[in-house]
Amino acid sequence: MSAPPPPDHGVYISPAQTYAEVQRLRRTVDQIDVKLDRLLDDNREIKEVLSDHETRIRAIELGETERQRRDELRLSGLETRRWPLPTIGAVTGAAGAVTGVVALFLR
C-alpha cells in the first residue's frame, strides 16, 4: 500500500509515523506517571513525619512527655524535702541564742 501524495497545502503523515508518535507519547506519559507516583509516596512520608513531629512538639509544649513528668515529680520531691531546712536552721539559731542569753544570766 503506497502513501497518497501530499496535498498541495500541507504535509502528509503516514499511519506508521502516527503510530510511532503515539507510542513515544505513551512512553513519556508512563514515565510521568511513575514520577508522579514517587512524588505522591514522598509526599505521604513527609506528611507522616510532619504529623509525628507536630504531635511530639505539642506534647513537649504541654509538659506531657514521660521525661517532663518524671522531672516534675523529682523537683517537687526535692522542694518538699528542702522546706524543713530553713525551719531547722531557725530553731537551731534560736536555741543557740537562748543558750547564750541563759549563759549570760548564769554568770
Protein backbone atom coordinates (compact mmCIF):
# COMPACT_ATOMS: atom_id res chain seq x y z
CA MET A 1 0.00 0.00 0.00
CA SER A 2 1.54 3.25 -1.06
CA ALA A 3 1.11 6.55 0.66
CA PRO A 4 -1.15 9.02 -1.06
CA PRO A 5 0.56 12.06 -2.48
CA PRO A 6 0.80 15.04 -0.10
CA PRO A 7 -1.86 17.68 -0.58
CA ASP A 8 -0.84 20.98 -2.06
CA HIS A 9 -1.23 22.89 1.17
CA GLY A 10 0.11 20.53 3.88
CA VAL A 11 2.26 17.67 4.98
CA TYR A 12 1.28 14.04 4.80
CA ILE A 13 1.86 11.92 7.94
CA SER A 14 1.68 8.21 7.35
CA PRO A 15 -0.13 5.82 9.70
CA ALA A 16 3.25 4.32 10.66
CA GLN A 17 4.56 7.75 11.68
CA THR A 18 1.37 8.43 13.63
CA TYR A 19 1.67 5.07 15.38
CA ALA A 20 5.35 5.70 16.25
CA GLU A 21 4.48 9.14 17.68
CA VAL A 22 1.60 7.72 19.74
CA GLN A 23 3.95 5.06 21.14
CA ARG A 24 6.56 7.71 22.01
CA LEU A 25 3.88 9.78 23.78
CA ARG A 26 2.68 6.67 25.65
CA ARG A 27 6.22 6.02 26.96
CA THR A 28 6.52 9.67 28.01
CA VAL A 29 3.18 9.53 29.84
CA ASP A 30 4.25 6.28 31.55
CA GLN A 31 7.46 7.96 32.75
CA ILE A 32 5.49 10.93 34.05
CA ASP A 33 3.08 8.55 35.80
CA VAL A 34 5.97 6.75 37.56
CA LYS A 35 7.45 10.07 38.66
CA LEU A 36 4.09 11.25 39.97
CA ASP A 37 3.67 8.01 41.94
CA ARG A 38 7.10 8.54 43.53
CA LEU A 39 6.21 12.14 44.31
CA LEU A 40 2.94 11.09 45.95
CA ASP A 41 4.76 8.46 48.04
CA ASP A 42 7.32 11.03 49.15
CA ASN A 43 4.52 13.47 49.98
CA ARG A 44 2.78 10.80 52.11
CA GLU A 45 6.01 10.10 54.00
CA ILE A 46 6.58 13.82 54.58
CA LYS A 47 3.04 14.21 55.93
CA GLU A 48 3.54 11.28 58.32
CA VAL A 49 6.84 12.65 59.59
CA LEU A 50 5.36 16.13 59.96
CA SER A 51 2.34 14.78 61.83
CA ASP A 52 4.58 12.83 64.21
CA HIS A 53 6.77 15.90 64.70
CA GLU A 54 3.76 18.10 65.45
CA THR A 55 2.44 15.55 67.96
CA ARG A 56 5.76 15.41 69.79
CA ILE A 57 6.11 19.21 69.85
CA ARG A 58 2.59 19.59 71.27
CA ALA A 59 3.39 17.04 74.00
CA ILE A 60 6.54 18.97 74.90
CA GLU A 61 4.69 22.30 74.95
CA LEU A 62 2.02 20.85 77.25
CA GLY A 63 4.58 19.17 79.50
CA GLU A 64 3.15 15.74 78.80
CA THR A 65 6.29 13.78 77.98
CA GLU A 66 7.38 10.99 80.31
CA ARG A 67 10.66 12.77 80.99
CA GLN A 68 8.90 16.02 81.91
CA ARG A 69 6.55 14.18 84.29
CA ARG A 70 9.47 12.39 85.90
CA ASP A 71 11.45 15.64 86.29
CA GLU A 72 8.41 17.40 87.76
CA LEU A 73 7.98 14.65 90.36
CA ARG A 74 11.69 14.76 91.19
CA LEU A 75 11.69 18.54 91.59
CA SER A 76 8.58 18.60 93.72
CA GLY A 77 10.15 15.91 95.93
CA LEU A 78 13.31 17.98 96.28
CA GLU A 79 11.32 21.10 97.12
CA THR A 80 9.26 19.20 99.71
CA ARG A 81 12.42 17.94 101.43
CA ARG A 82 14.06 21.38 101.25
CA TRP A 83 11.35 23.31 103.14
CA PRO A 84 12.23 21.94 106.60
CA LEU A 85 15.83 23.13 106.27
CA PRO A 86 15.16 26.84 106.98
CA THR A 87 12.96 25.85 109.92
CA ILE A 88 15.68 23.65 111.38
CA GLY A 89 18.17 26.48 110.92
CA ALA A 90 15.87 28.95 112.65
CA VAL A 91 15.25 26.59 115.55
CA THR A 92 18.96 25.86 115.89
CA GLY A 93 19.76 29.56 115.76
CA ALA A 94 17.10 30.38 118.32
CA ALA A 95 18.34 27.62 120.59
CA GLY A 96 21.84 29.00 120.30
CA ALA A 97 20.62 32.49 121.15
CA VAL A 98 18.66 31.20 124.15
CA THR A 99 21.69 29.29 125.31
CA GLY A 100 23.76 32.45 125.01
CA VAL A 101 21.24 34.52 126.97
CA VAL A 102 20.94 31.88 129.68
CA ALA A 103 24.72 31.63 129.90
CA LEU A 104 24.87 35.40 130.24
CA PHE A 105 22.45 35.40 133.19
CA LEU A 106 24.09 32.47 134.88
CA ARG A 107 27.48 34.09 135.16
